[in-house]
Amino acid sequence: MKKPARALIVSIVAAVAVIGLVGGGVYLWVGGHLNPLFASAETGCETVDELVVVADPSVAPVVDDLADVFDASRDGCVETEVKAQDAADTAALVSGGGLDADIWIPDSSVWLDRAATTASSLGRPAPELTTKGTIATSPIVFAAPATRTEELASEPVTWARVLAGGLPALLPDPEASAASLAGLLALKAHSSPDDPRQFAGAMIELGKAIPASTGSAFSALSSLPNATVVITSERLVAEHNLEDGTEPLAAAYPADGTVALDYPFIALGDAEGTRAELIGAFEGTLRHNPEAFRSAGFRAIDGTGDLDIQGVSPQPPAPAAGLDGAAQVEILRAWGVLTLRSRMLAVIDVSGSMEEPAENGLRRIDIFQQAALGAMQKFSGEVEMGVWVFSTQRNGELDWEDLSPIAPLADQAHTQEIAGIINSLPGRLGGATGLYDTTLAAVQRVREAYDPAKVNSVLLITDGRNEDENGIDLDTLLAELGKMNDPKQPVPVIMIGFGPDTDMDAMQRIAKATGGAAYSASKPEDLSLVLVDALSQRSCRPDCG
C-alpha cells in the first residue's frame, strides 16, 4: 500500500485535481488517501494500472507526494506505489536481476556503474536500464554543528585542508553512501597527481572510524572535541534540519569546488506500449514540479535554484563538477583495500647496527621511533597488532622476543603498551640480525590464531641482512614457507628495509613466497611514506608496479 501523502509539499495542482475528483464522486477517501478501487466503474477505466517506483530514501518523500499528483491526473486509472530503499540495496537487486519495479531513482548515477560491475562479476548480463536524465541535484558539502561554524570558518574550508589533515572529517561508509563516494572523488581531484600517497594517506585517516550511516555520523558530531565535519550532501543537511531543529547543522561549501549527486530517473526493463507511456508521463510529473524538490532541499538539474531552509545557503554554490562513475568504482576498490581490518604482527630489528647514524645525524633507531609513533596514528582501533623485536640470541637461543600479543588497538592499555615498547627500543639494541629464523617464527605465530575476517600479516622492519650463522638459510626458509602456504588462509610478509645494508634480493624472494611485498626506504626518514605504500598496495601484491 502506498504511504499517505505528505501535505507539506504537495503542489496546488494536486489539490485542485483532488477536490475536483472528489466532488465528482470518483474517489473514496479511505485511510488517509484517495482509494481508486471504484475508479474503473465510475470513470470507464477497464483496469487500474499499477506503477512501482523504487527511490532512494533521500528523495522518496518528494517522489511519493508527486505520485499523488500523477495518480490524480490519470483520472483514477493508475495506482503508483513508491518504495523507499537504500540505493546500495537496490543496486544489489538490480545486478542480480531481482528488482520487481518499473522505475528506479537512486541518488547517484554511480549506482548504475556499480550494478553493472557486480552483474559482470556474478557472470550475469548487464541489467536493462534506460537513464532518462537527472531530476534533481545536491552538491557535496561539509556538515558541522551550527554552534561551531565560527570555529570551523577560522580559515577557508577546503578539500585541501582535509588532505593535509587540518580539517578533521567523518566519512559515512562509501560502500553504502553515494555522497561519501562522491566526496572521495572530489578529494582525489584535489590531491597531488605526482604523489598518490597523499590521497591514499587521506583515505587511511578517514578509514580510522567509519560511521555506518550519515545519521550516525551527524549524531557523533556534538561529542567530538574538535571542529569535525561530515562529508555529505546538501540535501541530507536540509533533511536533518527540517526533521530535527533541536541540534541544527550548517553546510559549509568547499572553497576549492565540489561535486554533486545527480539523482537519475531510470526505466527498468524493456517497457512498451501503455507501460512506456506511463513511465514517461510520471517522469514528466516530476520534472514539472520543481518547487516540490526545492522545498525539500534539492537544487535544479543544472545546480541552480534558491533554497529557504535553515543551515544551507539560499543561493546555489558554484557549478559542481560532473561525476565519473568508473572513477568512483575504482576509488571504492582502493577504499576497500585500504580499510580492510588487519591482524598484524610487527617485527622490529633491534640489532646493533640500529645504533649507526643516518644522514641527518640521528641514529637509525631514533628515526624509526619517530616514524613508528606517527604510523601508529594511521591505524584504526579495529586493527589488531602485536610487537616482536629481533636480533641474534635475543631470547636465549631464539632470535626473537615477544613483547606484546596481537590485540585490538581499540584497547587503550594495549596501545599505550606498544607506544612504551617503541620508546624503549634504544635500550634493547644489540646483537646481529637474525632475519630468517625470526621470519619463519612470525608467520607461524600469526597462523596459530588466524582470523578469516581480517587481513592476517607480518610486517617486518630491518636495516640489515641475515647474520645468524647458526640459523636456517634462505632456501630452507623459502621451502618451509612454501609448505605452510594456504591460498585460503594467506599470511603475507610485508618487509620494509631501510638504510644501505638491506638485502633486497632476499626480502623480495621472501615476500613473493608469501604473497607479500618488499619495500625499500633509502633513507630511514622515508619509512612513514613507505608504510603508506605498504598499506595502499594490498590489492596488487606481489606484482605492484
Protein backbone atom coordinates (compact mmCIF):
# COMPACT_ATOMS: atom_id res chain seq x y z
CA MET A 1 0.00 0.00 0.00
CA LYS A 2 1.31 3.43 -0.83
CA LYS A 3 2.18 5.68 2.10
CA PRO A 4 -0.13 8.64 2.89
CA ALA A 5 0.69 11.84 1.04
CA ARG A 6 2.86 14.42 2.77
CA ALA A 7 0.69 17.54 2.74
CA LEU A 8 3.65 19.86 3.25
CA ILE A 9 4.89 19.85 -0.34
CA VAL A 10 2.00 18.60 -2.46
CA SER A 11 1.51 21.20 -5.13
CA ILE A 12 -1.58 23.35 -5.67
CA VAL A 13 -2.13 21.48 -8.92
CA ALA A 14 -2.61 18.27 -6.95
CA ALA A 15 -5.03 19.89 -4.53
CA VAL A 16 -7.22 21.24 -7.31
CA ALA A 17 -7.24 17.90 -9.09
CA VAL A 18 -8.22 16.02 -5.92
CA ILE A 19 -11.01 18.44 -5.00
CA GLY A 20 -12.46 18.13 -8.47
CA LEU A 21 -12.38 14.36 -8.45
CA VAL A 22 -13.87 14.02 -5.00
CA GLY A 23 -16.57 16.46 -5.95
CA GLY A 24 -17.45 14.27 -8.91
CA GLY A 25 -17.73 11.16 -6.75
CA VAL A 26 -14.89 9.36 -8.47
CA TYR A 27 -12.78 8.56 -5.36
CA LEU A 28 -13.46 7.44 -1.81
CA TRP A 29 -11.24 8.87 0.95
CA VAL A 30 -10.03 5.82 2.85
CA GLY A 31 -7.28 5.53 5.43
CA GLY A 32 -5.76 8.91 4.72
CA HIS A 33 -5.66 8.98 0.92
CA LEU A 34 -7.86 8.52 -2.10
CA ASN A 35 -8.87 4.94 -2.84
CA PRO A 36 -9.33 4.22 -6.57
CA LEU A 37 -10.99 0.84 -6.05
CA PHE A 38 -14.18 2.05 -7.69
CA ALA A 39 -12.47 4.25 -10.25
CA SER A 40 -12.80 1.83 -13.13
CA ALA A 41 -16.56 1.66 -12.78
CA GLU A 42 -17.01 5.41 -12.32
CA THR A 43 -14.61 6.67 -14.98
CA GLY A 44 -14.71 3.97 -17.58
CA CYS A 45 -11.25 2.52 -16.85
CA GLU A 46 -11.18 -1.13 -17.79
CA THR A 47 -8.30 -1.70 -15.35
CA VAL A 48 -6.27 0.26 -12.85
CA ASP A 49 -2.65 0.20 -13.95
CA GLU A 50 -0.01 -0.17 -11.26
CA LEU A 51 3.31 1.62 -11.40
CA VAL A 52 6.09 0.67 -8.98
CA VAL A 53 8.84 3.19 -8.21
CA VAL A 54 11.87 2.40 -6.04
CA ALA A 55 13.56 5.56 -4.79
CA ASP A 56 16.46 6.30 -2.50
CA PRO A 57 15.17 7.39 0.94
CA SER A 58 16.63 10.86 0.44
CA VAL A 59 14.28 11.53 -2.47
CA ALA A 60 11.43 9.10 -1.80
CA PRO A 61 9.25 11.56 0.20
CA VAL A 62 9.15 14.02 -2.68
CA VAL A 63 8.54 11.28 -5.25
CA ASP A 64 5.76 9.86 -3.06
CA ASP A 65 4.00 13.21 -2.85
CA LEU A 66 4.26 13.75 -6.58
CA ALA A 67 2.94 10.24 -7.17
CA ASP A 68 -0.34 11.51 -5.68
CA VAL A 69 -0.30 14.34 -8.19
CA PHE A 70 0.33 11.89 -11.01
CA ASP A 71 -2.37 9.43 -9.97
CA ALA A 72 -4.92 12.21 -9.64
CA SER A 73 -4.06 13.45 -13.12
CA ARG A 74 -4.78 9.99 -14.58
CA ASP A 75 -8.46 10.01 -13.55
CA GLY A 76 -8.01 7.17 -11.11
CA CYS A 77 -6.73 4.75 -13.72
CA VAL A 78 -3.23 4.48 -12.19
CA GLU A 79 -2.07 3.48 -8.72
CA THR A 80 1.60 4.39 -8.14
CA GLU A 81 3.48 2.71 -5.32
CA VAL A 82 6.68 4.37 -4.13
CA LYS A 83 9.09 2.21 -2.18
CA ALA A 84 11.90 3.85 -0.22
CA GLN A 85 15.03 1.69 -0.41
CA ASP A 86 18.71 2.49 0.02
CA ALA A 87 20.31 2.74 -3.41
CA ALA A 88 23.02 0.28 -2.35
CA ASP A 89 20.41 -2.39 -1.66
CA THR A 90 18.55 -1.63 -4.87
CA ALA A 91 21.75 -1.82 -6.92
CA ALA A 92 22.41 -5.27 -5.48
CA LEU A 93 18.93 -6.42 -6.54
CA VAL A 94 19.32 -4.86 -9.99
CA SER A 95 22.65 -6.59 -10.56
CA GLY A 96 21.10 -9.94 -9.65
CA GLY A 97 18.01 -9.39 -11.80
CA GLY A 98 15.73 -9.41 -8.76
CA LEU A 99 14.16 -5.94 -8.72
CA ASP A 100 10.43 -6.02 -9.49
CA ALA A 101 9.74 -2.39 -10.36
CA ASP A 102 9.19 -0.04 -13.28
CA ILE A 103 11.30 2.93 -12.21
CA TRP A 104 14.40 3.37 -10.08
CA ILE A 105 15.54 6.73 -8.73
CA PRO A 106 18.87 6.40 -6.89
CA ASP A 107 20.78 9.36 -5.51
CA SER A 108 23.64 8.99 -7.98
CA SER A 109 24.42 7.56 -11.40
CA VAL A 110 27.35 5.73 -9.83
CA TRP A 111 24.91 3.02 -8.78
CA LEU A 112 24.41 2.11 -12.44
CA ASP A 113 28.14 1.52 -12.81
CA ARG A 114 28.23 -0.46 -9.59
CA ALA A 115 25.23 -2.60 -10.61
CA ALA A 116 26.85 -3.35 -13.98
CA THR A 117 30.18 -4.18 -12.33
CA THR A 118 28.52 -6.51 -9.82
CA ALA A 119 26.47 -8.21 -12.53
CA SER A 120 29.63 -8.83 -14.52
CA SER A 121 31.38 -10.34 -11.50
CA LEU A 122 28.38 -12.62 -10.99
CA GLY A 123 28.57 -13.75 -14.61
CA ARG A 124 25.22 -12.14 -15.39
CA PRO A 125 24.35 -9.91 -18.36
CA ALA A 126 24.28 -6.18 -17.83
CA PRO A 127 20.95 -5.02 -16.35
CA GLU A 128 18.43 -3.43 -18.74
CA LEU A 129 18.47 0.17 -17.55
CA THR A 130 17.40 3.22 -19.51
CA THR A 131 18.52 6.51 -18.00
CA LYS A 132 16.14 9.38 -18.71
CA GLY A 133 18.37 12.05 -17.25
CA THR A 134 18.64 13.90 -13.96
CA ILE A 135 15.59 15.02 -11.99
CA ALA A 136 17.39 16.90 -9.18
CA THR A 137 20.87 17.56 -7.82
CA SER A 138 22.54 18.08 -4.47
CA PRO A 139 26.12 19.31 -4.03
CA ILE A 140 28.57 17.61 -1.66
CA VAL A 141 29.26 19.76 1.39
CA PHE A 142 30.85 19.64 4.83
CA ALA A 143 28.27 19.41 7.61
CA ALA A 144 29.08 20.76 11.04
CA PRO A 145 27.08 21.65 14.17
CA ALA A 146 25.62 25.12 13.73
CA THR A 147 27.17 26.09 17.07
CA ARG A 148 30.68 25.54 15.71
CA THR A 149 30.51 27.41 12.42
CA GLU A 150 32.72 30.27 13.59
CA GLU A 151 35.39 27.87 14.80
CA LEU A 152 35.19 25.95 11.54
CA ALA A 153 35.44 29.06 9.39
CA SER A 154 38.61 30.35 11.04
CA GLU A 155 40.27 29.52 7.73
CA PRO A 156 38.85 28.53 4.32
CA VAL A 157 37.00 25.20 4.37
CA THR A 158 38.56 23.17 1.57
CA TRP A 159 39.33 19.66 0.36
CA ALA A 160 42.98 20.66 0.60
CA ARG A 161 42.59 21.04 4.38
CA VAL A 162 41.17 17.53 4.61
CA LEU A 163 44.08 16.16 2.58
CA ALA A 164 46.58 17.94 4.79
CA GLY A 165 44.94 16.69 7.97
CA GLY A 166 43.95 20.21 9.03
CA LEU A 167 40.19 19.57 8.86
CA PRO A 168 39.03 16.50 10.81
CA ALA A 169 36.29 14.71 8.88
CA LEU A 170 33.92 11.78 9.22
CA LEU A 171 33.05 9.82 6.09
CA PRO A 172 29.97 7.57 6.28
CA ASP A 173 30.63 4.19 4.71
CA PRO A 174 31.11 4.85 0.94
CA GLU A 175 30.08 1.27 0.24
CA ALA A 176 26.56 2.43 1.11
CA SER A 177 26.71 6.21 0.63
CA ALA A 178 26.92 7.84 -2.79
CA ALA A 179 27.60 11.18 -1.10
CA SER A 180 30.67 9.74 0.61
CA LEU A 181 31.92 8.17 -2.60
CA ALA A 182 31.42 11.45 -4.48
CA GLY A 183 33.32 13.18 -1.67
CA LEU A 184 36.25 10.81 -2.19
CA LEU A 185 36.16 11.66 -5.89
CA ALA A 186 36.40 15.38 -5.04
CA LEU A 187 39.17 14.69 -2.56
CA LYS A 188 41.20 12.80 -5.15
CA ALA A 189 40.70 15.59 -7.68
CA HIS A 190 42.43 17.97 -5.27
CA SER A 191 45.27 15.61 -4.35
CA SER A 192 48.69 15.64 -5.97
CA PRO A 193 48.80 13.72 -9.27
CA ASP A 194 52.50 13.21 -8.70
CA ASP A 195 52.22 11.70 -5.24
CA PRO A 196 49.48 9.04 -4.90
CA ARG A 197 50.46 8.62 -1.25
CA GLN A 198 48.66 11.86 -0.42
CA PHE A 199 45.23 10.57 -1.39
CA ALA A 200 45.94 7.10 -0.01
CA GLY A 201 47.05 8.62 3.29
CA ALA A 202 43.87 10.70 3.48
CA MET A 203 41.72 7.61 2.90
CA ILE A 204 43.63 5.73 5.60
CA GLU A 205 42.92 8.61 8.00
CA LEU A 206 39.22 8.72 7.07
CA GLY A 207 39.04 4.96 7.43
CA LYS A 208 40.10 5.01 11.08
CA ALA A 209 36.45 5.48 12.09
CA ILE A 210 33.73 4.73 9.54
CA PRO A 211 30.17 5.66 10.59
CA ALA A 212 27.67 3.09 9.35
CA SER A 213 25.26 5.81 8.20
CA THR A 214 25.02 9.54 7.70
CA GLY A 215 22.62 9.75 10.64
CA SER A 216 25.12 8.14 12.99
CA ALA A 217 27.83 10.48 11.70
CA PHE A 218 25.61 13.51 12.39
CA SER A 219 24.88 12.20 15.90
CA ALA A 220 28.58 11.83 16.64
CA LEU A 221 29.45 15.43 15.77
CA SER A 222 28.31 17.02 19.01
CA SER A 223 30.50 14.74 21.13
CA LEU A 224 33.74 15.29 19.21
CA PRO A 225 36.23 17.72 20.77
CA ASN A 226 37.40 19.42 17.58
CA ALA A 227 35.51 21.20 14.83
CA THR A 228 34.89 18.00 12.88
CA VAL A 229 32.80 17.87 9.71
CA VAL A 230 30.79 15.14 7.99
CA ILE A 231 31.27 14.76 4.24
CA THR A 232 27.71 14.53 2.94
CA SER A 233 25.17 16.11 0.60
CA GLU A 234 23.38 19.42 0.99
CA ARG A 235 20.05 17.60 0.75
CA LEU A 236 20.85 15.43 3.79
CA VAL A 237 21.77 18.51 5.82
CA ALA A 238 18.48 20.10 4.81
CA GLU A 239 16.57 16.92 5.67
CA HIS A 240 18.20 16.77 9.10
CA ASN A 241 17.26 20.37 9.87
CA LEU A 242 13.71 20.01 8.53
CA GLU A 243 13.09 16.94 10.68
CA ASP A 244 15.09 17.85 13.81
CA GLY A 245 15.55 21.50 14.64
CA THR A 246 16.91 20.87 18.13
CA GLU A 247 20.52 20.32 17.01
CA PRO A 248 20.73 22.03 13.62
CA LEU A 249 23.63 21.53 11.26
CA ALA A 250 25.25 24.01 8.94
CA ALA A 251 26.51 23.21 5.46
CA ALA A 252 29.98 24.51 4.63
CA TYR A 253 30.70 24.71 0.91
CA PRO A 254 34.26 23.77 -0.16
CA ALA A 255 36.01 26.91 -1.33
CA ASP A 256 38.02 24.87 -3.83
CA GLY A 257 34.96 23.46 -5.59
CA THR A 258 32.85 20.36 -5.20
CA VAL A 259 30.80 17.70 -6.99
CA ALA A 260 27.08 16.96 -6.89
CA LEU A 261 24.77 13.96 -6.71
CA ASP A 262 22.64 13.76 -9.85
CA TYR A 263 19.51 11.69 -8.98
CA PRO A 264 18.87 9.94 -12.31
CA PHE A 265 15.44 8.74 -13.45
CA ILE A 266 15.89 5.14 -14.64
CA ALA A 267 13.37 2.99 -16.51
CA LEU A 268 13.81 -0.69 -15.72
CA GLY A 269 13.45 -3.45 -18.28
CA ASP A 270 12.13 -3.03 -21.80
CA ALA A 271 8.82 -1.21 -21.32
CA GLU A 272 6.50 -0.86 -24.31
CA GLY A 273 3.03 0.48 -25.05
CA THR A 274 0.99 1.66 -22.10
CA ARG A 275 3.75 0.86 -19.61
CA ALA A 276 6.26 3.02 -21.51
CA GLU A 277 3.72 5.83 -21.77
CA LEU A 278 3.05 5.73 -18.02
CA ILE A 279 6.76 5.83 -17.22
CA GLY A 280 7.23 8.81 -19.49
CA ALA A 281 4.21 10.59 -18.02
CA PHE A 282 5.42 10.01 -14.47
CA GLU A 283 8.82 11.42 -15.39
CA GLY A 284 7.04 14.48 -16.74
CA THR A 285 5.19 14.98 -13.46
CA LEU A 286 8.47 15.00 -11.55
CA ARG A 287 10.05 17.47 -13.95
CA HIS A 288 7.05 19.83 -13.98
CA ASN A 289 7.03 20.29 -10.19
CA PRO A 290 10.47 21.73 -9.33
CA GLU A 291 9.12 23.53 -6.27
CA ALA A 292 8.41 20.19 -4.58
CA PHE A 293 12.10 19.29 -4.87
CA ARG A 294 13.30 22.76 -3.92
CA SER A 295 11.22 22.85 -0.72
CA ALA A 296 12.88 19.58 0.35
CA GLY A 297 16.40 20.94 -0.16
CA PHE A 298 17.25 19.88 -3.70
CA ARG A 299 18.78 22.07 -6.41
CA ALA A 300 17.59 22.04 -10.01
CA ILE A 301 19.06 19.70 -12.60
CA ASP A 302 21.59 22.37 -13.61
CA GLY A 303 22.52 23.07 -9.98
CA THR A 304 20.58 26.33 -9.77
CA GLY A 305 17.63 27.28 -7.59
CA ASP A 306 17.39 29.21 -4.31
CA LEU A 307 16.55 27.42 -1.05
CA ASP A 308 14.85 28.67 2.10
CA ILE A 309 15.96 26.07 4.65
CA GLN A 310 17.90 26.55 7.87
CA GLY A 311 21.56 25.63 7.67
CA VAL A 312 22.04 25.69 3.89
CA SER A 313 22.94 28.53 1.58
CA PRO A 314 19.96 30.25 -0.06
CA GLN A 315 21.95 30.70 -3.25
CA PRO A 316 23.42 27.72 -5.08
CA PRO A 317 27.16 27.09 -4.81
CA ALA A 318 29.45 27.43 -7.80
CA PRO A 319 28.65 24.94 -10.56
CA ALA A 320 29.67 21.47 -9.44
CA ALA A 321 31.93 19.17 -11.40
CA GLY A 322 30.37 16.12 -13.02
CA LEU A 323 30.63 12.62 -11.57
CA ASP A 324 32.78 9.98 -13.25
CA GLY A 325 31.12 6.67 -12.42
CA ALA A 326 34.02 4.47 -13.48
CA ALA A 327 36.48 6.59 -11.49
CA GLN A 328 34.28 6.26 -8.41
CA VAL A 329 34.18 2.48 -8.75
CA GLU A 330 37.98 2.43 -8.88
CA ILE A 331 38.17 4.68 -5.81
CA LEU A 332 35.78 2.36 -3.99
CA ARG A 333 38.05 -0.60 -4.76
CA ALA A 334 41.01 1.32 -3.33
CA TRP A 335 38.97 2.28 -0.28
CA GLY A 336 38.06 -1.36 0.28
CA VAL A 337 41.72 -2.32 0.19
CA LEU A 338 42.90 0.47 2.49
CA THR A 339 40.19 -0.03 5.10
CA LEU A 340 40.42 -3.81 5.36
CA ARG A 341 40.72 -4.56 9.03
CA SER A 342 44.10 -6.03 9.82
CA ARG A 343 45.56 -8.53 12.26
CA MET A 344 49.23 -7.77 12.15
CA LEU A 345 52.43 -8.82 13.91
CA ALA A 346 55.03 -6.04 13.72
CA VAL A 347 58.58 -7.42 13.92
CA ILE A 348 61.29 -4.83 14.57
CA ASP A 349 65.03 -5.16 14.07
CA VAL A 350 66.95 -4.17 17.21
CA SER A 351 70.38 -5.37 16.09
CA GLY A 352 73.42 -3.29 16.95
CA SER A 353 73.51 -1.63 13.53
CA MET A 354 70.42 0.38 14.50
CA GLU A 355 72.80 2.47 16.61
CA GLU A 356 74.50 3.80 13.49
CA PRO A 357 73.82 7.40 12.44
CA ALA A 358 71.63 8.28 9.47
CA GLU A 359 72.24 11.13 7.02
CA ASN A 360 70.63 13.69 9.31
CA GLY A 361 72.84 12.79 12.29
CA LEU A 362 70.20 10.94 14.28
CA ARG A 363 70.62 7.24 14.95
CA ARG A 364 68.63 4.85 12.80
CA ILE A 365 66.65 3.75 15.85
CA ASP A 366 65.75 7.37 16.70
CA ILE A 367 64.34 7.96 13.24
CA PHE A 368 62.49 4.64 13.32
CA GLN A 369 60.89 5.62 16.63
CA GLN A 370 59.57 8.86 15.14
CA ALA A 371 58.18 7.10 12.07
CA ALA A 372 56.67 4.25 14.09
CA LEU A 373 54.85 6.53 16.52
CA GLY A 374 53.48 8.51 13.57
CA ALA A 375 52.45 5.32 11.80
CA MET A 376 50.52 4.19 14.87
CA GLN A 377 48.22 7.16 14.36
CA LYS A 378 47.24 5.84 10.92
CA PHE A 379 45.63 2.67 12.25
CA SER A 380 42.02 2.44 13.37
CA GLY A 381 41.01 0.89 16.66
CA GLU A 382 39.74 -2.14 14.78
CA VAL A 383 43.26 -3.09 13.74
CA GLU A 384 44.85 -5.83 15.83
CA MET A 385 48.60 -5.58 16.36
CA GLY A 386 51.33 -7.35 18.28
CA VAL A 387 55.04 -6.50 18.57
CA TRP A 388 58.18 -8.59 18.45
CA VAL A 389 61.79 -7.42 18.40
CA PHE A 390 64.61 -9.44 16.95
CA SER A 391 68.39 -9.83 16.90
CA THR A 392 70.65 -12.86 17.42
CA GLN A 393 70.18 -14.73 20.70
CA ARG A 394 67.64 -12.18 21.82
CA ASN A 395 65.74 -14.65 24.00
CA GLY A 396 68.05 -17.49 24.98
CA GLU A 397 68.73 -19.39 21.77
CA LEU A 398 65.88 -17.61 19.98
CA ASP A 399 66.41 -14.59 17.74
CA TRP A 400 63.08 -13.02 18.59
CA GLU A 401 61.30 -11.74 21.68
CA ASP A 402 57.51 -11.43 22.04
CA LEU A 403 56.88 -8.09 23.75
CA SER A 404 53.14 -7.59 23.14
CA PRO A 405 50.45 -10.03 21.95
CA ILE A 406 48.26 -9.41 18.92
CA ALA A 407 45.28 -7.47 20.27
CA PRO A 408 42.94 -4.62 19.18
CA LEU A 409 44.33 -1.11 19.19
CA ALA A 410 40.93 -0.03 20.47
CA ASP A 411 42.21 -1.25 23.82
CA GLN A 412 43.87 1.89 25.15
CA ALA A 413 46.07 -0.05 27.55
CA HIS A 414 47.35 -2.19 24.65
CA THR A 415 48.04 0.86 22.50
CA GLN A 416 49.92 2.50 25.38
CA GLU A 417 51.92 -0.70 25.86
CA ILE A 418 53.02 -0.65 22.21
CA ALA A 419 53.93 3.04 22.44
CA GLY A 420 56.01 2.23 25.51
CA ILE A 421 57.79 -0.56 23.64
CA ILE A 422 58.64 1.81 20.78
CA ASN A 423 60.03 4.33 23.25
CA SER A 424 62.11 1.60 24.92
CA LEU A 425 63.78 0.36 21.72
CA PRO A 426 67.12 2.23 22.15
CA GLY A 427 67.70 0.35 25.37
CA ARG A 428 67.11 -3.01 23.66
CA LEU A 429 69.75 -2.71 20.92
CA GLY A 430 72.45 -5.32 20.50
CA GLY A 431 73.42 -8.44 18.61
CA ALA A 432 73.32 -9.24 14.91
CA THR A 433 70.37 -9.60 12.51
CA GLY A 434 68.57 -12.96 12.88
CA LEU A 435 66.28 -12.42 9.91
CA TYR A 436 65.37 -15.87 8.60
CA ASP A 437 64.57 -17.71 11.84
CA THR A 438 62.51 -14.75 13.00
CA THR A 439 60.52 -14.51 9.77
CA LEU A 440 59.55 -18.19 9.91
CA ALA A 441 58.53 -17.99 13.57
CA ALA A 442 56.47 -14.84 12.97
CA VAL A 443 54.46 -16.45 10.15
CA GLN A 444 53.84 -19.50 12.33
CA ARG A 445 52.62 -17.30 15.19
CA VAL A 446 50.14 -15.38 13.01
CA ARG A 447 48.80 -18.67 11.64
CA GLU A 448 48.13 -20.04 15.12
CA ALA A 449 45.06 -17.83 15.66
CA TYR A 450 44.17 -16.98 12.04
CA ASP A 451 41.12 -14.71 11.71
CA PRO A 452 39.41 -15.15 8.30
CA ALA A 453 37.54 -11.87 8.76
CA LYS A 454 40.77 -9.86 8.77
CA VAL A 455 43.96 -9.42 6.75
CA ASN A 456 46.46 -11.53 8.68
CA SER A 457 50.03 -10.42 8.02
CA VAL A 458 53.58 -9.97 9.27
CA LEU A 459 55.15 -6.51 9.00
CA LEU A 460 58.93 -6.82 9.36
CA ILE A 461 61.22 -3.80 9.52
CA THR A 462 65.00 -4.22 9.25
CA ASP A 463 68.11 -2.25 8.41
CA GLY A 464 70.32 -5.21 7.51
CA ARG A 465 70.71 -8.73 6.16
CA ASN A 466 70.60 -12.13 7.87
CA GLU A 467 73.69 -12.57 10.09
CA ASP A 468 72.71 -15.63 12.13
CA GLU A 469 75.22 -18.31 11.13
CA ASN A 470 73.55 -20.85 13.42
CA GLY A 471 70.07 -20.42 11.97
CA ILE A 472 68.34 -21.59 8.81
CA ASP A 473 69.43 -20.34 5.41
CA LEU A 474 67.28 -18.59 2.81
CA ASP A 475 66.47 -21.72 0.79
CA THR A 476 65.30 -23.54 3.92
CA LEU A 477 63.14 -20.57 4.89
CA LEU A 478 61.53 -20.42 1.45
CA ALA A 479 60.89 -24.17 1.48
CA GLU A 480 59.22 -24.00 4.91
CA LEU A 481 57.10 -21.02 3.88
CA GLY A 482 56.03 -22.95 0.80
CA LYS A 483 54.90 -25.90 2.92
CA MET A 484 52.79 -23.61 5.11
CA ASN A 485 51.30 -21.65 2.24
CA ASP A 486 47.49 -21.90 2.09
CA PRO A 487 45.72 -19.73 -0.50
CA LYS A 488 42.58 -19.84 1.65
CA GLN A 489 44.47 -18.51 4.67
CA PRO A 490 47.25 -16.29 3.34
CA VAL A 491 49.76 -14.67 5.68
CA PRO A 492 51.70 -12.18 3.54
CA VAL A 493 55.05 -10.95 4.86
CA ILE A 494 55.50 -7.24 4.25
CA MET A 495 59.17 -6.41 4.50
CA ILE A 496 60.46 -2.87 4.83
CA GLY A 497 64.20 -2.35 4.59
CA PHE A 498 65.85 0.98 5.30
CA GLY A 499 69.42 2.06 5.14
CA PRO A 500 72.18 0.95 2.72
CA ASP A 501 72.78 -2.52 4.17
CA THR A 502 69.48 -4.31 3.50
CA ASP A 503 69.38 -7.47 1.36
CA MET A 504 66.56 -6.51 -1.02
CA ASP A 505 67.00 -9.64 -3.13
CA ALA A 506 66.34 -11.92 -0.15
CA MET A 507 63.49 -9.73 1.06
CA GLN A 508 61.80 -9.82 -2.35
CA ARG A 509 62.06 -13.61 -2.51
CA ILE A 510 60.52 -13.96 0.96
CA ALA A 511 57.74 -11.54 0.05
CA LYS A 512 56.98 -13.38 -3.20
CA ALA A 513 56.81 -16.74 -1.40
CA THR A 514 54.11 -15.42 0.94
CA GLY A 515 52.19 -13.12 -1.44
CA GLY A 516 53.58 -10.10 0.37
CA ALA A 517 55.79 -7.25 -0.77
CA ALA A 518 59.24 -5.83 -0.11
CA TYR A 519 59.83 -2.09 0.14
CA SER A 520 62.97 -0.05 0.44
CA ALA A 521 63.24 3.25 2.27
CA SER A 522 66.55 4.55 1.02
CA LYS A 523 66.52 6.97 3.94
CA PRO A 524 65.11 5.95 7.33
CA GLU A 525 63.02 9.12 7.43
CA ASP A 526 61.13 7.81 4.38
CA LEU A 527 59.72 4.99 6.49
CA SER A 528 56.34 6.63 7.07
CA LEU A 529 55.84 7.13 3.32
CA VAL A 530 56.81 3.54 2.61
CA LEU A 531 54.27 2.38 5.18
CA VAL A 532 51.50 4.14 3.24
CA ASP A 533 52.69 2.29 0.12
CA ALA A 534 52.60 -1.00 2.01
CA LEU A 535 49.02 -0.39 3.08
CA SER A 536 47.76 1.03 -0.22
CA GLN A 537 49.14 -1.71 -2.48
CA ARG A 538 47.48 -4.71 -0.84
CA SER A 539 45.41 -5.47 -3.94
CA CYS A 540 48.33 -5.70 -6.38
CA ARG A 541 50.75 -7.86 -4.42
CA PRO A 542 53.10 -9.43 -5.25
CA ASP A 543 53.28 -7.60 -8.59
CA CYS A 544 52.89 -3.94 -7.65
CA GLY A 545 54.46 -1.59 -10.18
